[in-house]
Amino acid sequence: MTSTIYRAIAGVFTALCVGLQYALTVHGDSLAAVGASSLKFFSFFTILTNILAAAALLVPLVAPRSWLGEYLSRPSVRTVVAGYIIMVGTVYFLLLRDLSQRQGFSLMLEQTLHYVTPPLFVIDWALFVPKRNVDWRVGFAALGFPLAYVAWTLVHGAATGWYPYPFLDVSELGYPHTLLNVAGLIAIFLALEVALVAIGRRLGPD
């Protein structure tokens, strides 16, 4: 299978799973409630990262010469996204898998967005991305997105009392414990990015 075909299939599948989960989330909501449900839905790191992964797979195919297509084609960017999506699956498996309140098809989609779409992107990264020259400092450059996400989560949570993940729930943990959790996750992410760069330099295609 060529990289183009694989990316088209994996990207459409990822986007479809996100879209279906969104449709189930807002289904039955009144017009007034859709806004609040949508804001919560797009406040999950899982959803944002899967959207980013789908974009990284599809945009370079449909608009390769656009600034976004060229940006998402960079090996360093795709390595960063691989780190994000690996964190999504790992954190869910270790901390969140037994906490879900979803059932049926919605639960299946939730598990797909944590257990299936992450490996799909990592396979693309492993097989098709020329990453032997990715800079070791890529992990530090990648911190902008997760740090912005944490800042949004804390501000939004302070205003509404709702937090998407229990390890970021300031109302239950307090700021010192929450920020310690954030520091631990950032450290793990940086170590993961270093590992991905090392693996890419050793095994990646030229």
Protein backbone atom coordinates (compact mmCIF):
# COMPACT_ATOMS: atom_id res chain seq x y z
CA MET A 1 0.00 0.00 0.00
CA THR A 2 1.35 3.44 -0.91
CA SER A 3 1.59 6.26 1.60
CA THR A 4 -1.10 8.22 -0.27
CA ILE A 5 -3.67 5.44 -0.06
CA TYR A 6 -2.83 4.66 3.55
CA ARG A 7 -3.07 8.30 4.61
CA ALA A 8 -6.35 8.78 2.80
CA ILE A 9 -7.91 5.75 4.50
CA ALA A 10 -6.49 6.50 7.95
CA GLY A 11 -7.30 10.22 7.75
CA VAL A 12 -10.88 9.75 6.61
CA PHE A 13 -11.43 7.06 9.24
CA THR A 14 -10.09 9.31 12.01
CA ALA A 15 -12.15 12.28 10.87
CA LEU A 16 -15.26 10.10 10.58
CA CYS A 17 -14.85 8.77 14.12
CA VAL A 18 -14.51 12.30 15.51
CA GLY A 19 -17.53 13.45 13.52
CA LEU A 20 -19.69 10.56 14.65
CA GLN A 21 -18.73 11.07 18.29
CA TYR A 22 -19.61 14.76 17.99
CA ALA A 23 -22.97 13.91 16.41
CA LEU A 24 -23.76 11.54 19.28
CA THR A 25 -22.66 14.14 21.83
CA VAL A 26 -25.03 16.86 20.61
CA HIS A 27 -27.85 14.54 19.54
CA GLY A 28 -31.05 15.48 21.29
CA ASP A 29 -29.70 18.78 22.61
CA SER A 30 -31.78 21.88 22.26
CA LEU A 31 -30.37 24.66 20.07
CA ALA A 32 -29.32 26.53 23.21
CA ALA A 33 -27.54 23.47 24.62
CA VAL A 34 -25.59 22.63 21.45
CA GLY A 35 -23.13 25.45 22.07
CA ALA A 36 -22.28 24.30 25.58
CA SER A 37 -22.04 20.64 24.48
CA SER A 38 -19.81 21.60 21.57
CA LEU A 39 -17.52 23.65 23.80
CA LYS A 40 -17.09 20.71 26.15
CA PHE A 41 -16.58 18.26 23.28
CA PHE A 42 -13.78 20.34 21.77
CA SER A 43 -12.22 20.84 25.20
CA PHE A 44 -10.92 17.26 25.28
CA PHE A 45 -7.26 16.83 24.34
CA THR A 46 -8.24 13.53 22.72
CA ILE A 47 -10.59 15.22 20.29
CA LEU A 48 -8.24 18.06 19.41
CA THR A 49 -5.34 15.69 18.86
CA ASN A 50 -7.35 13.32 16.69
CA ILE A 51 -8.47 16.30 14.60
CA LEU A 52 -4.83 17.34 14.29
CA ALA A 53 -3.85 13.80 13.29
CA ALA A 54 -6.60 13.65 10.66
CA ALA A 55 -5.49 17.03 9.30
CA ALA A 56 -1.85 15.89 9.18
CA LEU A 57 -2.91 12.84 7.18
CA LEU A 58 -5.34 14.54 4.79
CA VAL A 59 -4.36 18.17 4.22
CA PRO A 60 -1.01 17.36 2.54
CA LEU A 61 -2.94 15.09 0.17
CA VAL A 62 -5.67 17.53 -0.84
CA ALA A 63 -3.66 20.77 -0.64
CA PRO A 64 0.03 19.84 -0.80
CA ARG A 65 1.21 23.30 -1.83
CA SER A 66 -0.79 25.24 0.74
CA TRP A 67 1.08 26.61 3.74
CA LEU A 68 -0.81 24.21 5.99
CA GLY A 69 -0.15 21.23 3.74
CA GLU A 70 3.56 22.02 3.63
CA TYR A 71 3.69 22.63 7.38
CA LEU A 72 1.94 19.36 8.24
CA SER A 73 4.23 17.48 5.87
CA ARG A 74 7.35 18.42 7.84
CA PRO A 75 8.93 15.38 9.52
CA SER A 76 9.41 17.38 12.73
CA VAL A 77 5.71 18.30 12.85
CA ARG A 78 4.59 14.74 12.17
CA THR A 79 6.93 13.50 14.90
CA VAL A 80 5.37 15.97 17.32
CA VAL A 81 1.85 14.85 16.36
CA ALA A 82 2.92 11.23 16.84
CA GLY A 83 3.98 12.13 20.37
CA TYR A 84 0.65 13.86 21.07
CA ILE A 85 -1.41 10.92 19.80
CA ILE A 86 0.68 8.36 21.69
CA MET A 87 0.03 10.35 24.88
CA VAL A 88 -3.70 10.24 24.11
CA GLY A 89 -3.75 6.45 24.00
CA THR A 90 -1.35 5.95 26.90
CA VAL A 91 -3.07 8.32 29.34
CA TYR A 92 -6.45 6.83 28.52
CA PHE A 93 -5.23 3.27 29.07
CA LEU A 94 -3.44 4.05 32.33
CA LEU A 95 -5.76 6.62 33.93
CA LEU A 96 -9.13 6.93 32.23
CA ARG A 97 -10.33 3.67 30.68
CA ASP A 98 -12.46 2.65 33.67
CA LEU A 99 -14.00 6.10 34.20
CA SER A 100 -16.06 6.46 31.04
CA GLN A 101 -19.81 6.95 31.39
CA ARG A 102 -20.49 6.29 27.72
CA GLN A 103 -22.24 3.17 26.52
CA GLY A 104 -22.86 1.32 23.28
CA PHE A 105 -21.70 2.89 20.03
CA SER A 106 -20.47 6.03 21.77
CA LEU A 107 -18.20 3.95 24.01
CA MET A 108 -16.93 2.07 20.97
CA LEU A 109 -16.06 5.37 19.29
CA GLU A 110 -14.34 6.60 22.44
CA GLN A 111 -12.20 3.49 22.56
CA THR A 112 -11.49 3.76 18.83
CA LEU A 113 -10.22 7.33 19.28
CA HIS A 114 -7.82 6.09 21.96
CA TYR A 115 -6.84 2.60 20.82
CA VAL A 116 -7.18 2.56 17.02
CA THR A 117 -6.58 6.01 15.54
CA PRO A 118 -3.36 6.59 17.53
CA PRO A 119 -1.68 3.45 16.14
CA LEU A 120 -2.91 4.36 12.64
CA PHE A 121 -1.03 7.65 12.80
CA VAL A 122 2.06 6.10 14.40
CA ILE A 123 2.20 3.47 11.65
CA ASP A 124 2.21 6.24 9.05
CA TRP A 125 4.96 8.02 10.97
CA ALA A 126 7.01 4.82 11.25
CA LEU A 127 6.69 3.72 7.62
CA PHE A 128 6.40 6.82 5.50
CA VAL A 129 7.94 9.85 7.22
CA PRO A 130 11.60 10.69 6.41
CA LYS A 131 12.74 11.51 9.93
CA ARG A 132 16.45 10.78 10.19
CA ASN A 133 17.23 14.49 10.49
CA VAL A 134 14.58 15.57 12.99
CA ASP A 135 16.11 17.90 15.57
CA TRP A 136 16.46 16.63 19.14
CA ARG A 137 14.86 19.85 20.45
CA VAL A 138 11.55 19.16 18.72
CA GLY A 139 9.89 18.20 22.02
CA PHE A 140 10.50 21.65 23.51
CA ALA A 141 9.17 23.33 20.37
CA ALA A 142 6.05 21.17 20.66
CA LEU A 143 5.09 22.30 24.16
CA GLY A 144 3.08 25.28 22.92
CA PHE A 145 -0.04 23.25 22.12
CA PRO A 146 -0.28 21.23 25.37
CA LEU A 147 0.58 24.27 27.51
CA ALA A 148 -2.06 26.34 25.72
CA TYR A 149 -4.50 23.48 26.25
CA VAL A 150 -3.75 23.36 29.98
CA ALA A 151 -4.16 27.13 30.25
CA TRP A 152 -7.52 26.98 28.47
CA THR A 153 -8.66 24.06 30.63
CA LEU A 154 -7.82 25.85 33.86
CA VAL A 155 -9.44 29.12 32.78
CA HIS A 156 -12.53 27.40 31.43
CA GLY A 157 -12.74 25.20 34.51
CA ALA A 158 -12.44 28.16 36.87
CA ALA A 159 -15.30 29.86 35.04
CA THR A 160 -17.62 26.85 34.74
CA GLY A 161 -16.52 24.33 37.37
CA TRP A 162 -16.13 21.67 34.64
CA TYR A 163 -12.85 19.94 33.86
CA PRO A 164 -12.44 17.33 31.09
CA TYR A 165 -10.04 15.08 33.03
CA PRO A 166 -9.85 14.17 36.73
CA PHE A 167 -6.09 14.82 36.90
CA LEU A 168 -6.78 18.45 35.85
CA ASP A 169 -9.73 18.97 38.18
CA VAL A 170 -8.66 21.90 40.34
CA SER A 171 -11.92 21.82 42.28
CA GLU A 172 -11.01 18.35 43.57
CA LEU A 173 -7.21 18.45 43.63
CA GLY A 174 -6.32 22.08 44.15
CA TYR A 175 -3.80 24.01 42.03
CA PRO A 176 -0.57 22.58 43.53
CA HIS A 177 -1.58 18.97 42.89
CA THR A 178 -3.01 19.78 39.45
CA LEU A 179 0.11 21.64 38.36
CA LEU A 180 2.26 18.79 39.66
CA ASN A 181 0.24 16.43 37.45
CA VAL A 182 0.78 18.76 34.50
CA ALA A 183 4.52 18.87 35.17
CA GLY A 184 4.66 15.08 35.26
CA LEU A 185 2.79 14.75 31.97
CA ILE A 186 5.03 17.36 30.33
CA ALA A 187 8.13 15.48 31.49
CA ILE A 188 6.74 12.23 30.09
CA PHE A 189 5.91 13.94 26.80
CA LEU A 190 9.42 15.36 26.46
CA ALA A 191 10.93 11.93 27.16
CA LEU A 192 8.58 10.42 24.58
CA GLU A 193 9.59 12.95 21.93
CA VAL A 194 13.28 12.27 22.59
CA ALA A 195 12.57 8.56 22.18
CA LEU A 196 10.69 9.15 18.92
CA VAL A 197 13.53 11.26 17.52
CA ALA A 198 16.03 8.57 18.50
CA ILE A 199 13.91 5.85 16.89
CA GLY A 200 13.34 7.95 13.80
CA ARG A 201 17.05 8.71 13.39
CA ARG A 202 17.86 5.02 13.67
CA LEU A 203 15.03 3.37 11.76
CA GLY A 204 13.23 6.03 9.73
CA PRO A 205 13.25 6.15 5.93
CA ASP A 206 15.57 8.72 4.35
